[in-house]
N, C-alpha and C. Protein backbone atom coordinates (compact mmCIF):
# COMPACT_ATOMS: atom_id res chain seq x y z
N UNK A 1 -86.84 43.86 -75.05
CA UNK A 1 -85.97 44.31 -73.94
C UNK A 1 -86.61 44.26 -72.65
N UNK A 2 -85.72 44.37 -71.61
CA UNK A 2 -86.14 44.02 -70.27
C UNK A 2 -87.99 44.74 -70.16
N UNK A 3 -88.38 43.65 -69.69
CA UNK A 3 -90.19 44.75 -69.13
C UNK A 3 -89.92 45.38 -67.37
N UNK A 4 -89.93 46.56 -67.90
CA UNK A 4 -90.06 47.63 -66.57
C UNK A 4 -90.68 46.72 -65.63
N UNK A 5 -90.08 46.57 -64.35
CA UNK A 5 -90.56 45.97 -63.32
C UNK A 5 -90.00 44.76 -62.48
N UNK A 6 -90.01 44.34 -64.07
CA UNK A 6 -88.96 42.95 -64.03
C UNK A 6 -87.29 43.15 -63.40
N UNK A 7 -87.00 42.31 -62.15
CA UNK A 7 -85.55 42.50 -61.35
C UNK A 7 -84.87 41.24 -61.99
N UNK A 8 -83.30 41.95 -62.31
CA UNK A 8 -82.42 40.88 -62.45
C UNK A 8 -81.21 41.02 -61.63
N UNK A 9 -80.65 40.11 -61.58
CA UNK A 9 -79.14 39.93 -60.58
C UNK A 9 -78.44 38.59 -62.15
N UNK A 10 -77.71 39.15 -62.59
CA UNK A 10 -77.28 38.05 -63.78
C UNK A 10 -75.75 38.19 -63.80
N UNK A 11 -75.27 37.39 -64.32
CA UNK A 11 -73.40 37.12 -63.95
C UNK A 11 -73.80 37.13 -66.02
N UNK A 12 -73.12 38.26 -66.47
CA UNK A 12 -72.91 38.35 -67.97
C UNK A 12 -71.74 37.35 -68.53
N UNK A 13 -70.83 37.86 -67.98
CA UNK A 13 -69.67 36.61 -68.26
C UNK A 13 -68.98 36.64 -66.98
N UNK A 14 -68.09 35.51 -66.89
CA UNK A 14 -67.01 35.46 -65.27
C UNK A 14 -65.85 34.67 -66.00
N UNK A 15 -64.89 35.23 -65.69
CA UNK A 15 -63.23 34.13 -65.80
C UNK A 15 -62.42 35.29 -66.02
N UNK A 16 -61.34 34.93 -66.37
CA UNK A 16 -60.38 35.44 -66.65
C UNK A 16 -59.96 36.27 -67.79
N UNK A 17 -60.96 35.74 -68.82
CA UNK A 17 -60.83 37.13 -69.86
C UNK A 17 -62.02 37.69 -69.75
N UNK A 18 -63.02 37.74 -68.62
CA UNK A 18 -63.53 39.00 -68.47
C UNK A 18 -64.67 38.60 -67.56
N UNK A 19 -64.73 39.72 -67.24
CA UNK A 19 -65.96 40.01 -66.05
C UNK A 19 -66.86 40.76 -66.12
N UNK A 20 -68.56 40.75 -66.24
CA UNK A 20 -69.39 41.66 -66.08
C UNK A 20 -70.93 41.19 -65.74
N UNK A 21 -71.50 41.85 -64.41
CA UNK A 21 -72.47 40.97 -64.24
C UNK A 21 -73.96 42.52 -64.53
N UNK A 22 -74.81 42.20 -64.47
CA UNK A 22 -76.40 42.87 -64.07
C UNK A 22 -76.68 43.04 -63.37
N UNK A 23 -77.48 44.17 -62.64
CA UNK A 23 -78.21 44.20 -61.69
C UNK A 23 -79.77 45.11 -61.90
N UNK A 24 -80.87 44.73 -61.47
CA UNK A 24 -81.96 45.65 -62.23
C UNK A 24 -82.87 45.04 -60.65
N UNK A 25 -83.65 46.73 -60.79
CA UNK A 25 -84.81 46.47 -60.12
C UNK A 25 -86.14 46.71 -60.90
N UNK A 26 -85.71 46.78 -62.29
CA UNK A 26 -86.67 47.09 -63.17
C UNK A 26 -87.18 48.71 -63.67
N UNK A 27 -86.05 49.30 -62.71
CA UNK A 27 -86.40 51.10 -63.08
C UNK A 27 -84.89 51.00 -63.36
N UNK A 28 -83.98 50.89 -62.06
CA UNK A 28 -81.93 51.43 -61.97
C UNK A 28 -81.71 50.25 -62.76
N UNK A 29 -81.00 49.93 -63.77
CA UNK A 29 -80.18 48.82 -64.16
C UNK A 29 -78.78 49.34 -64.16
N UNK A 30 -78.10 48.57 -63.27
CA UNK A 30 -76.84 48.88 -63.21
C UNK A 30 -75.61 47.58 -63.93
N UNK A 31 -74.35 48.19 -64.12
CA UNK A 31 -73.45 46.92 -65.12
C UNK A 31 -72.26 47.20 -63.22
N UNK A 32 -71.95 45.83 -63.32
CA UNK A 32 -70.67 45.71 -62.21
C UNK A 32 -69.50 44.99 -63.14
N UNK A 33 -68.56 46.09 -63.06
CA UNK A 33 -67.32 45.50 -64.00
C UNK A 33 -68.09 45.55 -65.38
N UNK A 34 -67.05 45.64 -66.59
CA UNK A 34 -67.10 45.85 -67.81
C UNK A 34 -65.73 45.12 -68.49
N UNK A 35 -65.23 43.87 -68.10
CA UNK A 35 -64.39 43.22 -68.53
C UNK A 35 -64.13 42.54 -70.39
N UNK A 36 -65.04 42.62 -70.78
CA UNK A 36 -65.18 42.84 -71.82
C UNK A 36 -65.81 43.66 -73.25
N UNK A 37 -65.44 43.51 -74.53
CA UNK A 37 -65.58 44.61 -75.09
C UNK A 37 -67.24 44.87 -75.32
N UNK A 38 -67.35 46.27 -75.80
CA UNK A 38 -68.14 46.89 -76.10
C UNK A 38 -69.39 46.06 -76.74
N UNK A 39 -68.60 45.35 -77.92
CA UNK A 39 -69.28 44.43 -79.10
C UNK A 39 -69.81 43.30 -78.07
N UNK A 40 -69.01 42.59 -77.63
CA UNK A 40 -69.19 41.84 -76.36
C UNK A 40 -70.56 41.54 -75.68
N UNK A 41 -70.06 43.24 -75.21
CA UNK A 41 -70.97 42.88 -73.69
C UNK A 41 -72.82 43.45 -74.42
N UNK A 42 -72.83 44.30 -75.78
CA UNK A 42 -74.03 44.38 -76.54
C UNK A 42 -74.84 43.13 -76.75
N UNK A 43 -73.76 42.20 -76.94
CA UNK A 43 -74.41 40.59 -77.41
C UNK A 43 -75.24 39.91 -76.09
N UNK A 44 -74.25 40.53 -75.23
CA UNK A 44 -74.28 39.76 -73.65
C UNK A 44 -76.14 39.91 -73.32
N UNK A 45 -75.91 41.34 -73.61
CA UNK A 45 -77.20 41.86 -73.18
C UNK A 45 -78.41 41.69 -74.11
N UNK A 46 -78.22 41.65 -74.84
CA UNK A 46 -79.55 41.32 -76.08
C UNK A 46 -80.09 39.85 -75.66
N UNK A 47 -78.69 39.19 -75.67
CA UNK A 47 -79.54 37.88 -74.86
C UNK A 47 -80.36 37.76 -73.99
N UNK A 48 -79.97 39.00 -72.76
CA UNK A 48 -80.36 38.96 -71.56
C UNK A 48 -81.93 39.61 -71.93
N UNK A 49 -81.68 40.08 -73.45
CA UNK A 49 -83.13 41.34 -73.20
C UNK A 49 -83.25 42.13 -72.63
N UNK A 50 -82.59 42.75 -72.21
CA UNK A 50 -81.42 44.58 -72.18
C UNK A 50 -80.94 45.36 -72.73
N UNK A 51 -81.74 46.68 -72.81
CA UNK A 51 -81.23 47.90 -74.04
C UNK A 51 -80.25 47.82 -73.24
N UNK A 52 -78.87 48.03 -73.96
CA UNK A 52 -77.58 49.11 -73.49
C UNK A 52 -78.29 50.55 -73.14
N UNK A 53 -79.06 50.96 -73.78
CA UNK A 53 -79.71 52.51 -73.49
C UNK A 53 -80.35 53.14 -71.84
N UNK A 54 -80.36 51.54 -71.52
CA UNK A 54 -81.52 51.46 -70.24
C UNK A 54 -80.58 51.62 -69.26
N UNK A 55 -79.24 51.43 -69.15
CA UNK A 55 -78.05 51.34 -68.25
C UNK A 55 -77.82 52.38 -68.09
N UNK A 56 -78.24 52.20 -66.08
CA UNK A 56 -77.92 53.99 -65.69
C UNK A 56 -76.43 54.21 -65.14
N UNK A 57 -75.89 53.09 -64.86
CA UNK A 57 -74.57 53.57 -64.36
C UNK A 57 -73.56 52.14 -64.25
N UNK A 58 -72.21 52.48 -64.52
CA UNK A 58 -71.62 51.31 -63.83
C UNK A 58 -70.85 51.39 -62.72
N UNK A 59 -70.79 49.89 -62.07
CA UNK A 59 -69.83 50.02 -60.84
C UNK A 59 -68.17 49.36 -61.18
N UNK A 60 -67.50 49.63 -60.72
CA UNK A 60 -65.91 48.87 -61.14
C UNK A 60 -65.64 48.33 -59.51
N UNK A 61 -65.34 46.94 -59.47
CA UNK A 61 -65.35 46.72 -58.21
C UNK A 61 -63.77 46.62 -58.08
N UNK A 62 -62.51 46.47 -59.17
CA UNK A 62 -61.10 47.23 -58.78
C UNK A 62 -60.67 47.08 -60.53
N UNK A 63 -59.62 47.81 -60.76
CA UNK A 63 -58.93 48.01 -61.79
C UNK A 63 -58.35 46.72 -62.45
N UNK A 64 -58.30 45.65 -62.39
CA UNK A 64 -57.47 44.81 -63.46
C UNK A 64 -58.27 44.64 -64.52
N UNK A 65 -57.57 44.21 -65.93
CA UNK A 65 -57.70 44.43 -66.78
C UNK A 65 -59.33 43.69 -67.29
N UNK A 66 -59.40 42.15 -66.53
CA UNK A 66 -60.87 41.10 -66.82
C UNK A 66 -61.81 41.92 -66.20
N UNK A 67 -61.53 43.01 -65.51
CA UNK A 67 -62.86 43.35 -64.93
C UNK A 67 -63.58 44.80 -65.62
N UNK A 68 -62.13 45.47 -66.64
CA UNK A 68 -62.34 46.66 -66.91
C UNK A 68 -62.31 46.98 -68.26
N UNK A 69 -61.98 46.31 -69.23
CA UNK A 69 -61.64 46.09 -70.54
C UNK A 69 -62.42 46.95 -71.01
N UNK A 70 -63.30 47.13 -71.23
CA UNK A 70 -64.55 47.43 -72.29
C UNK A 70 -65.25 49.11 -71.55
N UNK A 71 -64.78 49.30 -70.00
CA UNK A 71 -65.09 50.24 -69.31
C UNK A 71 -65.53 51.35 -69.84
N UNK A 72 -64.11 51.77 -70.42
CA UNK A 72 -64.31 53.48 -70.76
C UNK A 72 -64.96 53.59 -71.94
N UNK A 73 -64.90 52.79 -72.97
CA UNK A 73 -65.44 53.10 -74.40
C UNK A 73 -67.30 52.87 -73.89
N UNK A 74 -67.57 51.77 -73.11
CA UNK A 74 -69.08 51.71 -73.00
C UNK A 74 -69.37 52.94 -72.18
N UNK A 75 -68.47 53.67 -71.45
CA UNK A 75 -68.77 54.92 -70.82
C UNK A 75 -69.30 56.40 -71.48
N UNK A 76 -68.23 55.68 -72.14
CA UNK A 76 -67.93 57.21 -73.85
C UNK A 76 -69.26 57.01 -74.74
N UNK A 77 -69.78 55.61 -75.26
CA UNK A 77 -70.69 55.25 -76.35
C UNK A 77 -72.23 55.59 -75.52
N UNK A 78 -72.34 55.08 -74.41
CA UNK A 78 -73.43 55.39 -73.46
C UNK A 78 -73.87 56.55 -72.65
N UNK A 79 -72.78 57.14 -72.48
CA UNK A 79 -72.83 58.28 -71.33
C UNK A 79 -72.98 57.93 -69.97
N UNK A 80 -72.33 56.82 -69.55
CA UNK A 80 -72.34 56.35 -68.06
C UNK A 80 -71.77 56.66 -67.53
N UNK A 81 -71.75 57.02 -65.86
CA UNK A 81 -71.10 57.57 -64.96
C UNK A 81 -70.35 55.62 -64.29
N UNK A 82 -69.27 56.22 -64.12
CA UNK A 82 -68.53 54.85 -63.60
C UNK A 82 -68.12 54.81 -62.27
N UNK A 83 -68.96 54.49 -61.40
CA UNK A 83 -68.49 54.28 -59.98
C UNK A 83 -66.80 53.59 -59.60
N UNK A 84 -66.28 54.26 -58.68
CA UNK A 84 -64.73 53.53 -57.90
C UNK A 84 -64.52 54.30 -57.06
N UNK A 85 -63.88 53.52 -56.20
CA UNK A 85 -63.04 54.04 -55.11
C UNK A 85 -61.82 54.92 -56.02
N UNK A 86 -61.30 56.08 -55.15
CA UNK A 86 -59.98 57.01 -55.51
C UNK A 86 -59.09 56.23 -56.11
N UNK A 87 -58.47 55.31 -55.59
CA UNK A 87 -57.52 54.38 -55.93
C UNK A 87 -57.64 53.22 -57.07
N UNK A 88 -58.54 53.20 -57.04
CA UNK A 88 -59.26 52.51 -58.68
C UNK A 88 -59.42 53.54 -59.62
N UNK A 89 -59.94 54.40 -59.15
CA UNK A 89 -59.71 55.48 -60.32
C UNK A 89 -58.35 56.02 -61.14
N UNK A 90 -57.80 55.98 -59.94
CA UNK A 90 -56.42 56.12 -60.18
C UNK A 90 -55.35 55.23 -61.02
N UNK A 91 -55.86 53.83 -60.55
CA UNK A 91 -55.21 52.87 -61.14
C UNK A 91 -56.02 52.21 -62.37
N UNK A 92 -56.67 52.71 -62.74
CA UNK A 92 -57.72 52.77 -64.04
C UNK A 92 -57.33 53.13 -64.99
N UNK A 93 -56.97 53.08 -66.65
CA UNK A 93 -56.95 53.62 -67.66
C UNK A 93 -58.16 53.00 -68.43
N UNK A 94 -59.18 54.47 -68.59
CA UNK A 94 -60.56 54.29 -68.97
C UNK A 94 -60.53 54.76 -70.39
N UNK A 95 -59.26 55.78 -70.46
CA UNK A 95 -59.16 56.58 -71.89
C UNK A 95 -60.22 57.92 -71.75
N UNK A 96 -60.34 58.78 -72.31
CA UNK A 96 -60.89 59.75 -71.93
C UNK A 96 -62.28 60.04 -71.63
N UNK A 97 -62.68 59.96 -70.87
CA UNK A 97 -64.08 59.73 -70.89
C UNK A 97 -64.64 61.21 -69.74
N UNK A 98 -65.97 61.32 -69.97
CA UNK A 98 -66.29 62.73 -69.02
C UNK A 98 -65.87 63.31 -68.03
N UNK A 99 -65.19 64.15 -67.57
CA UNK A 99 -64.97 64.13 -65.79
C UNK A 99 -66.07 64.14 -65.11
N UNK A 100 -67.78 64.10 -65.93
CA UNK A 100 -69.22 64.42 -65.00
C UNK A 100 -69.22 62.45 -64.73
N UNK A 101 -68.52 62.00 -65.77
CA UNK A 101 -68.77 60.51 -65.06
C UNK A 101 -68.18 59.73 -64.30
N UNK A 102 -67.38 60.64 -63.76
CA UNK A 102 -66.09 59.68 -62.78
C UNK A 102 -66.36 59.82 -61.59
N UNK A 103 -66.93 58.74 -61.05
CA UNK A 103 -68.25 59.01 -59.26
C UNK A 103 -66.97 58.38 -58.49
N UNK A 104 -66.80 58.69 -57.39
CA UNK A 104 -65.91 58.34 -56.57
C UNK A 104 -66.69 57.54 -55.36
N UNK A 105 -66.22 56.63 -54.55
CA UNK A 105 -67.03 55.71 -53.68
C UNK A 105 -66.12 55.45 -52.47
N UNK A 106 -66.68 55.40 -51.25
CA UNK A 106 -65.80 54.80 -50.36
C UNK A 106 -66.28 53.40 -49.40
N UNK A 107 -65.43 52.04 -49.37
CA UNK A 107 -65.88 51.65 -49.00
C UNK A 107 -66.84 51.62 -47.32
N UNK A 108 -68.32 51.24 -47.76
CA UNK A 108 -68.98 51.36 -45.67
C UNK A 108 -69.99 52.78 -46.01
N UNK A 109 -69.46 53.00 -47.06
CA UNK A 109 -70.33 54.63 -47.07
C UNK A 109 -71.32 54.29 -48.61
N UNK A 110 -72.95 54.04 -47.91
CA UNK A 110 -73.86 54.06 -48.99
C UNK A 110 -74.39 55.14 -49.58
N UNK A 111 -75.03 54.90 -51.13
CA UNK A 111 -75.09 56.02 -51.58
C UNK A 111 -76.22 55.40 -52.62
N UNK A 112 -77.21 56.10 -53.93
CA UNK A 112 -78.69 55.48 -54.37
C UNK A 112 -77.98 55.79 -56.06
N UNK A 113 -77.96 54.74 -56.29
CA UNK A 113 -78.27 54.92 -57.71
C UNK A 113 -79.55 55.01 -58.18
N UNK A 114 -80.18 55.79 -58.91
CA UNK A 114 -81.59 55.85 -59.43
C UNK A 114 -82.60 55.36 -57.60
N UNK A 115 -82.92 54.41 -58.04
CA UNK A 115 -83.94 53.23 -57.33
C UNK A 115 -83.18 52.35 -56.74
N UNK A 116 -81.77 52.52 -56.61
CA UNK A 116 -81.79 51.32 -55.71
C UNK A 116 -79.85 52.00 -55.40
N UNK A 117 -80.09 51.02 -53.50
CA UNK A 117 -79.07 51.44 -52.30
C UNK A 117 -78.16 50.61 -52.72
N UNK A 118 -76.95 51.14 -52.74
CA UNK A 118 -75.57 50.78 -53.10
C UNK A 118 -75.09 50.90 -51.56
N UNK A 119 -74.08 49.82 -50.85
CA UNK A 119 -73.11 50.08 -50.19
C UNK A 119 -71.75 49.44 -50.67
N UNK A 120 -70.27 49.85 -50.90
CA UNK A 120 -69.45 48.93 -51.47
C UNK A 120 -68.79 48.54 -49.98
N UNK A 121 -67.91 47.39 -50.16
CA UNK A 121 -67.44 47.00 -48.72
C UNK A 121 -66.10 46.44 -49.65
N UNK A 122 -64.98 46.42 -48.64
CA UNK A 122 -63.47 45.98 -49.04
C UNK A 122 -63.91 44.43 -48.88
N UNK A 123 -62.69 43.88 -49.87
CA UNK A 123 -62.73 42.34 -50.30
C UNK A 123 -61.52 42.30 -50.28
N UNK A 124 -60.61 40.92 -50.10
CA UNK A 124 -59.25 40.63 -50.17
C UNK A 124 -58.99 40.36 -51.51
N UNK A 125 -58.24 41.08 -52.13
CA UNK A 125 -57.73 40.61 -53.46
C UNK A 125 -56.05 41.55 -53.83
N UNK A 126 -55.71 41.36 -54.41
CA UNK A 126 -54.36 41.85 -54.88
C UNK A 126 -54.69 43.31 -56.01
N UNK A 127 -55.41 44.18 -55.50
CA UNK A 127 -55.75 45.65 -55.90
C UNK A 127 -55.78 46.75 -55.33
N UNK A 128 -55.41 47.72 -56.05
CA UNK A 128 -55.51 48.81 -55.11
C UNK A 128 -56.46 48.91 -54.08
N UNK A 129 -57.85 49.02 -54.33
CA UNK A 129 -58.69 49.35 -53.24
C UNK A 129 -60.17 48.46 -53.75
N UNK A 130 -59.92 46.79 -53.91
CA UNK A 130 -60.75 46.29 -54.17
C UNK A 130 -62.52 46.43 -53.61
N UNK A 131 -63.48 46.63 -53.83
CA UNK A 131 -64.94 46.51 -53.23
C UNK A 131 -65.58 45.40 -54.12
N UNK A 132 -66.54 45.19 -53.64
CA UNK A 132 -67.62 43.94 -53.28
C UNK A 132 -68.76 45.17 -53.29
N UNK A 133 -70.07 44.62 -53.40
CA UNK A 133 -71.17 45.65 -53.46
C UNK A 133 -72.42 44.80 -52.71
N UNK A 134 -73.21 45.79 -52.08
CA UNK A 134 -74.14 45.38 -51.55
C UNK A 134 -75.48 46.05 -52.47
N UNK A 135 -76.33 45.33 -52.83
CA UNK A 135 -77.70 45.84 -53.54
C UNK A 135 -78.98 46.23 -52.94
N UNK A 136 -79.50 46.97 -52.76
CA UNK A 136 -80.79 47.22 -51.95
C UNK A 136 -81.90 47.89 -52.46
N UNK A 137 -83.18 47.20 -52.61
CA UNK A 137 -84.74 47.71 -53.07
C UNK A 137 -85.08 46.60 -52.52
N UNK A 138 -86.45 47.98 -52.33
CA UNK A 138 -87.68 47.28 -51.49
C UNK A 138 -86.91 46.98 -49.92
N UNK A 139 -87.46 45.57 -49.58
CA UNK A 139 -86.76 45.09 -48.78
C UNK A 139 -85.68 43.83 -48.60
N UNK A 140 -85.34 43.69 -50.04
CA UNK A 140 -84.55 42.85 -50.50
C UNK A 140 -82.98 43.36 -50.31
N UNK A 141 -82.13 42.75 -50.33
CA UNK A 141 -80.23 42.97 -50.37
C UNK A 141 -80.02 41.85 -51.10
N UNK A 142 -79.12 42.02 -52.15
CA UNK A 142 -78.22 41.16 -53.01
C UNK A 142 -77.20 41.63 -53.13
N UNK A 143 -75.96 40.72 -52.98
CA UNK A 143 -74.92 41.25 -53.06
C UNK A 143 -73.61 40.28 -53.92
N UNK A 144 -72.49 40.84 -53.73
CA UNK A 144 -71.42 40.56 -55.17
C UNK A 144 -70.24 40.77 -54.86
N UNK A 145 -69.52 39.89 -55.18
CA UNK A 145 -68.26 40.03 -54.77
C UNK A 145 -67.13 39.33 -55.83
N UNK A 146 -66.39 39.54 -56.52
CA UNK A 146 -65.27 39.07 -57.44
C UNK A 146 -64.14 38.42 -56.73
N UNK A 147 -63.59 37.81 -57.65
CA UNK A 147 -61.83 37.59 -57.19
C UNK A 147 -61.70 37.29 -55.62
N UNK A 148 -62.67 36.52 -54.85
CA UNK A 148 -62.43 36.44 -53.27
C UNK A 148 -61.43 34.63 -53.65
N UNK A 149 -60.59 35.25 -53.36
CA UNK A 149 -59.38 34.23 -52.85
C UNK A 149 -59.75 33.55 -51.70
N UNK A 150 -59.95 34.55 -51.00
CA UNK A 150 -60.06 34.15 -49.20
C UNK A 150 -61.07 34.48 -48.55
N UNK A 151 -61.92 34.10 -48.07
CA UNK A 151 -63.34 34.57 -47.44
C UNK A 151 -62.59 35.52 -45.84
N UNK A 152 -63.46 36.55 -45.85
CA UNK A 152 -62.96 36.90 -44.04
C UNK A 152 -64.38 37.32 -43.63
N UNK A 153 -63.99 38.10 -42.50
CA UNK A 153 -64.91 38.26 -41.23
C UNK A 153 -65.91 39.59 -41.89
N UNK A 154 -65.35 40.42 -43.08
CA UNK A 154 -65.97 41.73 -43.47
C UNK A 154 -66.62 40.62 -44.47
N UNK A 155 -65.97 40.34 -45.45
CA UNK A 155 -67.02 39.73 -46.04
C UNK A 155 -68.07 39.23 -46.12
N UNK A 156 -68.13 38.28 -44.87
CA UNK A 156 -69.15 37.38 -44.54
C UNK A 156 -70.46 37.82 -43.66
N UNK A 157 -69.98 39.49 -43.24
CA UNK A 157 -70.63 39.86 -42.40
C UNK A 157 -71.49 41.06 -43.56
N UNK A 158 -71.04 41.29 -44.47
CA UNK A 158 -71.45 41.79 -45.40
C UNK A 158 -72.47 41.31 -46.73
N UNK A 159 -72.26 40.09 -46.21
CA UNK A 159 -73.25 39.06 -47.32
C UNK A 159 -74.24 38.94 -46.82
N UNK A 160 -74.09 38.75 -45.16
CA UNK A 160 -75.33 38.24 -44.05
C UNK A 160 -76.73 38.91 -44.47
N UNK A 161 -77.80 38.47 -44.70
CA UNK A 161 -79.04 38.98 -44.79
C UNK A 161 -79.05 38.92 -46.26
N UNK A 162 -78.26 38.50 -47.61
CA UNK A 162 -78.36 38.77 -48.82
C UNK A 162 -80.14 37.68 -49.44
N UNK A 163 -80.62 37.89 -49.84
CA UNK A 163 -81.58 36.83 -50.73
C UNK A 163 -80.31 36.30 -51.65
N UNK A 164 -79.70 36.76 -52.14
CA UNK A 164 -78.58 36.46 -53.25
C UNK A 164 -77.45 36.72 -53.33
N UNK A 165 -76.52 36.16 -53.69
CA UNK A 165 -75.06 36.43 -53.37
C UNK A 165 -74.76 35.64 -54.75
N UNK A 166 -73.52 36.95 -55.08
CA UNK A 166 -73.01 36.32 -56.95
C UNK A 166 -71.89 36.23 -56.31
N UNK A 167 -70.48 35.49 -56.25
CA UNK A 167 -69.52 34.92 -55.63
C UNK A 167 -68.35 34.78 -56.74
N UNK A 168 -67.51 35.39 -57.10
CA UNK A 168 -66.83 34.80 -58.27
C UNK A 168 -65.25 34.67 -57.45
N UNK A 169 -64.65 33.46 -58.26
CA UNK A 169 -63.22 33.42 -57.68
C UNK A 169 -62.54 32.62 -58.75
N UNK A 170 -61.31 32.98 -59.35
CA UNK A 170 -60.61 32.53 -60.52
C UNK A 170 -59.75 31.88 -59.81
N UNK A 171 -59.07 32.06 -58.40
CA UNK A 171 -57.87 31.22 -58.03
C UNK A 171 -58.54 30.32 -56.90
N UNK A 172 -57.47 29.91 -56.50
CA UNK A 172 -57.85 28.33 -55.76
C UNK A 172 -57.10 29.22 -54.08
């Protein structure tokens, strides 16, 4: 399993058949999107030497199936809160997850999950209310933006100053 104190910023899977990333500061571990089955997620986490029980929460970028396919099952199995914008929650079908695990976020409004600061920011994509994320721990800023078909000033401003950036785009 992951050694406490080890930071990770890792794309577990990326592509039109599924997207899922992992970020951890060694104390708090977050999933960003869950576009793969629970079994495939558990296999990917095992390869990364991360125990699924150590995951604190899941953040969703947007409602497309390649980003949420396993989110409901994983939330139920591991009792994980699912953070997404109101519109994204409205358009997602996660099945019956505990109402206490439905968490609403707003682009531009910072919040914390455990020891990680999070800032969602709007991204250009054909979804209800898609977001990328900045993650803050210590002096470090890491950023993630998926399905970026076109870069814009808002995305560039939010990526600026990042120690590392994970960009994903499946379109020309």
